[in-house]
Amino acid sequence: MIAYLQGKVADATPISAIIDVNGVGYFLTVPVTTAEKLPGIGQETKVWTVAVYREDSAALYGFASTDERDFFRLLMEKVSGIGPKTAISILSKLSVPMLRQTIANGDVGVLSKCPGIGKKTAERLIVELKDKVGMIGSATAGSSAPGNASNEAPVASSNIMDAVAALMALGYKADAADKSVRKAAGKLGDDASTEELIRAALS
């Protein structure tokens, strides 16, 4: 089992990356939330991985943090009908803090807007994960290893969620607010206050 890859970014798109590890290129499918954090071509990075084997295929999925990786596993293992492609789509639409909050609040409307997730699947996802979303990441919430995708350090989840809530109060849709705050967090780092995140997201 490959737990992580550490090497140079050989190629990257919004949904995939090739990591060169000592001359061997590993192709990874990644969520947009991870692709946003990858450094430039030729730069060193560390990506956490999950290998998924099927009868006729094998695929490697990459994540910027152990938190994203663990949520990916949780979606596949605990929610019937959700495979790796759908799990990646969900993580591409909403960040882990936003997903936790949305599931905890039972917000079917937000989840059903994720690609591949209809109302029934969103309802099932909430039922099956509501008592589990507080468990994952309790020890590693938002954790990124040194040298991981970009120099971004994790911003406190409470600050992120407060900033997202503020943008939603201003009329932003949940996914748009989440994306704007993620970008702001990537620029400002782990010392950013809620107010700083809001200002950066609005700029």
Protein backbone atom coordinates (compact mmCIF):
# COMPACT_ATOMS: atom_id res chain seq x y z
CA MET A 1 0.00 0.00 0.00
CA ILE A 2 1.34 3.43 -0.98
CA ALA A 3 0.65 5.84 1.90
CA TYR A 4 2.09 8.97 0.27
CA LEU A 5 4.31 10.17 -2.54
CA GLN A 6 7.09 12.71 -2.13
CA GLY A 7 8.68 14.06 -5.26
CA LYS A 8 8.43 16.74 -7.94
CA VAL A 9 5.31 17.79 -9.79
CA ALA A 10 5.82 16.64 -13.38
CA ASP A 11 2.38 17.66 -14.62
CA ALA A 12 -0.91 18.86 -13.15
CA THR A 13 -4.49 19.66 -14.14
CA PRO A 14 -7.50 20.61 -11.99
CA ILE A 15 -8.32 16.89 -11.62
CA SER A 16 -5.00 15.05 -11.88
CA ALA A 17 -1.28 15.21 -11.19
CA ILE A 18 1.85 13.31 -12.09
CA ILE A 19 4.42 13.12 -9.30
CA ASP A 20 7.98 12.21 -10.25
CA VAL A 21 9.49 10.11 -7.48
CA ASN A 22 13.13 9.35 -8.28
CA GLY A 23 12.45 9.09 -12.00
CA VAL A 24 9.16 7.19 -11.75
CA GLY A 25 6.03 9.15 -12.63
CA TYR A 26 2.91 8.32 -10.61
CA PHE A 27 -0.42 9.41 -12.08
CA LEU A 28 -2.91 10.57 -9.46
CA THR A 29 -6.55 11.56 -9.68
CA VAL A 30 -7.01 14.47 -7.28
CA PRO A 31 -9.92 16.65 -6.10
CA VAL A 32 -9.90 20.31 -7.09
CA THR A 33 -9.25 21.19 -3.44
CA THR A 34 -5.90 19.37 -3.70
CA ALA A 35 -5.05 20.64 -7.19
CA GLU A 36 -5.42 24.20 -5.88
CA LYS A 37 -2.63 23.56 -3.38
CA LEU A 38 -0.08 21.89 -5.66
CA PRO A 39 3.12 23.85 -6.26
CA GLY A 40 4.40 24.61 -9.74
CA ILE A 41 5.86 22.15 -12.22
CA GLY A 42 9.26 20.89 -11.06
CA GLN A 43 8.69 21.80 -7.42
CA GLU A 44 8.79 19.36 -4.53
CA THR A 45 5.56 18.19 -2.91
CA LYS A 46 4.13 15.48 -0.67
CA VAL A 47 0.76 13.97 -1.51
CA TRP A 48 -1.20 11.50 0.64
CA THR A 49 -2.62 8.63 -1.37
CA VAL A 50 -5.31 5.97 -1.51
CA ALA A 51 -5.03 3.05 -3.94
CA VAL A 52 -8.31 1.64 -5.24
CA TYR A 53 -8.27 -1.74 -6.94
CA ARG A 54 -11.06 -3.14 -9.10
CA GLU A 55 -11.30 -6.37 -11.07
CA ASP A 56 -10.33 -4.60 -14.28
CA SER A 57 -8.46 -1.54 -13.06
CA ALA A 58 -6.25 0.07 -10.44
CA ALA A 59 -6.16 3.77 -9.62
CA LEU A 60 -4.24 6.04 -7.27
CA TYR A 61 -5.95 9.05 -5.66
CA GLY A 62 -3.99 11.92 -4.14
CA PHE A 63 -4.79 14.44 -1.39
CA ALA A 64 -3.11 17.51 0.07
CA SER A 65 -3.89 16.48 3.66
CA THR A 66 -4.66 13.40 5.72
CA ASP A 67 -8.01 15.00 6.50
CA GLU A 68 -9.04 14.97 2.83
CA ARG A 69 -7.72 11.43 2.43
CA ASP A 70 -9.68 10.18 5.45
CA PHE A 71 -12.91 11.83 4.30
CA PHE A 72 -12.47 10.23 0.88
CA ARG A 73 -12.19 6.81 2.55
CA LEU A 74 -15.19 7.55 4.77
CA LEU A 75 -17.36 8.43 1.79
CA MET A 76 -16.46 5.24 -0.07
CA GLU A 77 -16.58 2.85 2.88
CA LYS A 78 -19.62 4.15 4.78
CA VAL A 79 -22.02 5.50 2.16
CA SER A 80 -23.60 2.91 -0.12
CA GLY A 81 -23.57 3.86 -3.78
CA ILE A 82 -20.62 6.24 -3.56
CA GLY A 83 -17.48 5.12 -5.37
CA PRO A 84 -14.12 6.85 -5.80
CA LYS A 85 -15.19 9.06 -8.72
CA THR A 86 -18.21 10.42 -6.87
CA ALA A 87 -16.18 10.88 -3.68
CA ILE A 88 -13.59 12.90 -5.62
CA SER A 89 -16.38 15.00 -7.15
CA ILE A 90 -17.79 15.77 -3.70
CA LEU A 91 -14.37 16.78 -2.37
CA SER A 92 -13.83 18.92 -5.48
CA LYS A 93 -17.02 20.85 -4.83
CA LEU A 94 -16.71 21.44 -1.07
CA SER A 95 -13.81 21.52 1.38
CA VAL A 96 -13.73 19.05 4.28
CA PRO A 97 -14.69 21.69 6.91
CA MET A 98 -17.64 22.71 4.74
CA LEU A 99 -18.66 19.09 4.19
CA ARG A 100 -18.55 18.39 7.93
CA GLN A 101 -20.68 21.43 8.68
CA THR A 102 -23.14 20.67 5.89
CA ILE A 103 -23.59 17.06 7.00
CA ALA A 104 -23.90 18.04 10.66
CA ASN A 105 -26.60 20.58 9.72
CA GLY A 106 -28.42 18.05 7.52
CA ASP A 107 -28.28 20.45 4.57
CA VAL A 108 -29.56 18.28 1.71
CA GLY A 109 -29.76 21.26 -0.66
CA VAL A 110 -26.03 22.02 -0.59
CA LEU A 111 -24.93 18.37 -0.86
CA SER A 112 -27.34 17.62 -3.71
CA LYS A 113 -25.57 20.25 -5.83
CA CYS A 114 -22.36 18.19 -5.82
CA PRO A 115 -21.79 16.38 -9.14
CA GLY A 116 -23.23 12.88 -9.07
CA ILE A 117 -25.25 13.52 -5.90
CA GLY A 118 -29.02 13.76 -6.12
CA LYS A 119 -31.43 14.48 -3.30
CA LYS A 120 -31.79 10.81 -2.27
CA THR A 121 -28.03 10.22 -2.20
CA ALA A 122 -27.52 13.44 -0.23
CA GLU A 123 -30.11 12.32 2.31
CA ARG A 124 -28.45 8.91 2.61
CA LEU A 125 -25.04 10.52 2.98
CA ILE A 126 -26.29 12.67 5.86
CA VAL A 127 -27.97 9.73 7.61
CA GLU A 128 -24.91 7.49 7.31
CA LEU A 129 -22.25 10.07 8.18
CA LYS A 130 -23.90 12.47 10.62
CA ASP A 131 -22.58 10.59 13.66
CA LYS A 132 -19.14 10.09 12.08
CA VAL A 133 -18.11 13.49 10.73
CA GLY A 134 -16.79 14.61 14.11
CA MET A 135 -14.56 11.55 14.40
CA ILE A 136 -12.34 11.82 11.36
CA GLY A 137 -9.58 14.34 11.49
CA SER A 138 -9.93 14.80 15.24
CA ALA A 139 -6.21 14.17 15.59
CA THR A 140 -5.19 15.31 12.11
CA ALA A 141 -7.76 17.90 11.17
CA GLY A 142 -6.44 19.83 8.23
CA SER A 143 -3.00 18.37 8.79
CA SER A 144 -0.44 18.70 6.05
CA ALA A 145 3.02 17.28 6.09
CA PRO A 146 6.05 19.54 5.69
CA GLY A 147 6.79 19.99 2.01
CA ASN A 148 3.19 19.18 1.14
CA ALA A 149 1.30 20.73 -1.75
CA SER A 150 2.23 24.42 -1.66
CA ASN A 151 3.46 26.25 1.42
CA GLU A 152 -0.05 26.65 2.74
CA ALA A 153 -0.56 25.85 6.40
CA PRO A 154 -4.02 24.79 7.55
CA VAL A 155 -6.29 27.56 8.74
CA ALA A 156 -8.46 26.83 11.77
CA SER A 157 -11.71 25.23 10.63
CA SER A 158 -13.76 27.57 12.82
CA ASN A 159 -12.32 30.63 11.09
CA ILE A 160 -13.00 29.11 7.67
CA MET A 161 -16.59 28.25 8.54
CA ASP A 162 -17.23 31.67 10.07
CA ALA A 163 -15.91 33.34 6.93
CA VAL A 164 -18.00 31.08 4.70
CA ALA A 165 -21.09 31.82 6.78
CA ALA A 166 -20.43 35.56 6.45
CA LEU A 167 -20.19 35.33 2.65
CA MET A 168 -23.39 33.27 2.51
CA ALA A 169 -25.10 35.96 4.57
CA LEU A 170 -24.02 38.41 1.86
CA GLY A 171 -25.75 36.29 -0.78
CA TYR A 172 -22.99 33.91 -1.90
CA LYS A 173 -24.00 30.32 -2.64
CA ALA A 174 -22.42 27.79 -0.28
CA ASP A 175 -20.00 26.27 -2.81
CA ALA A 176 -18.94 29.69 -4.14
CA ALA A 177 -18.37 31.01 -0.62
CA ASP A 178 -16.37 27.91 0.29
CA LYS A 179 -14.18 28.22 -2.81
CA SER A 180 -13.51 31.92 -2.22
CA VAL A 181 -12.53 31.34 1.40
CA ARG A 182 -10.29 28.38 0.43
CA LYS A 183 -8.39 30.62 -1.95
CA ALA A 184 -8.07 33.29 0.71
CA ALA A 185 -6.82 30.72 3.23
CA GLY A 186 -4.19 29.54 0.76
CA LYS A 187 -2.82 33.07 0.47
CA LEU A 188 -2.99 34.09 4.12
CA GLY A 189 -1.89 30.96 6.00
CA ASP A 190 -2.83 29.59 9.41
CA ASP A 191 -2.71 32.89 11.31
CA ALA A 192 -5.55 34.42 9.32
CA SER A 193 -8.49 35.68 11.32
CA THR A 194 -12.08 35.38 10.18
CA GLU A 195 -12.10 39.08 9.26
CA GLU A 196 -8.94 38.75 7.18
CA LEU A 197 -10.36 35.73 5.35
CA ILE A 198 -13.56 37.61 4.56
CA ARG A 199 -11.69 40.66 3.24
CA ALA A 200 -9.40 38.51 1.08
CA ALA A 201 -12.33 36.46 -0.25
CA LEU A 202 -14.19 39.62 -1.23
CA SER A 203 -11.21 41.31 -2.87
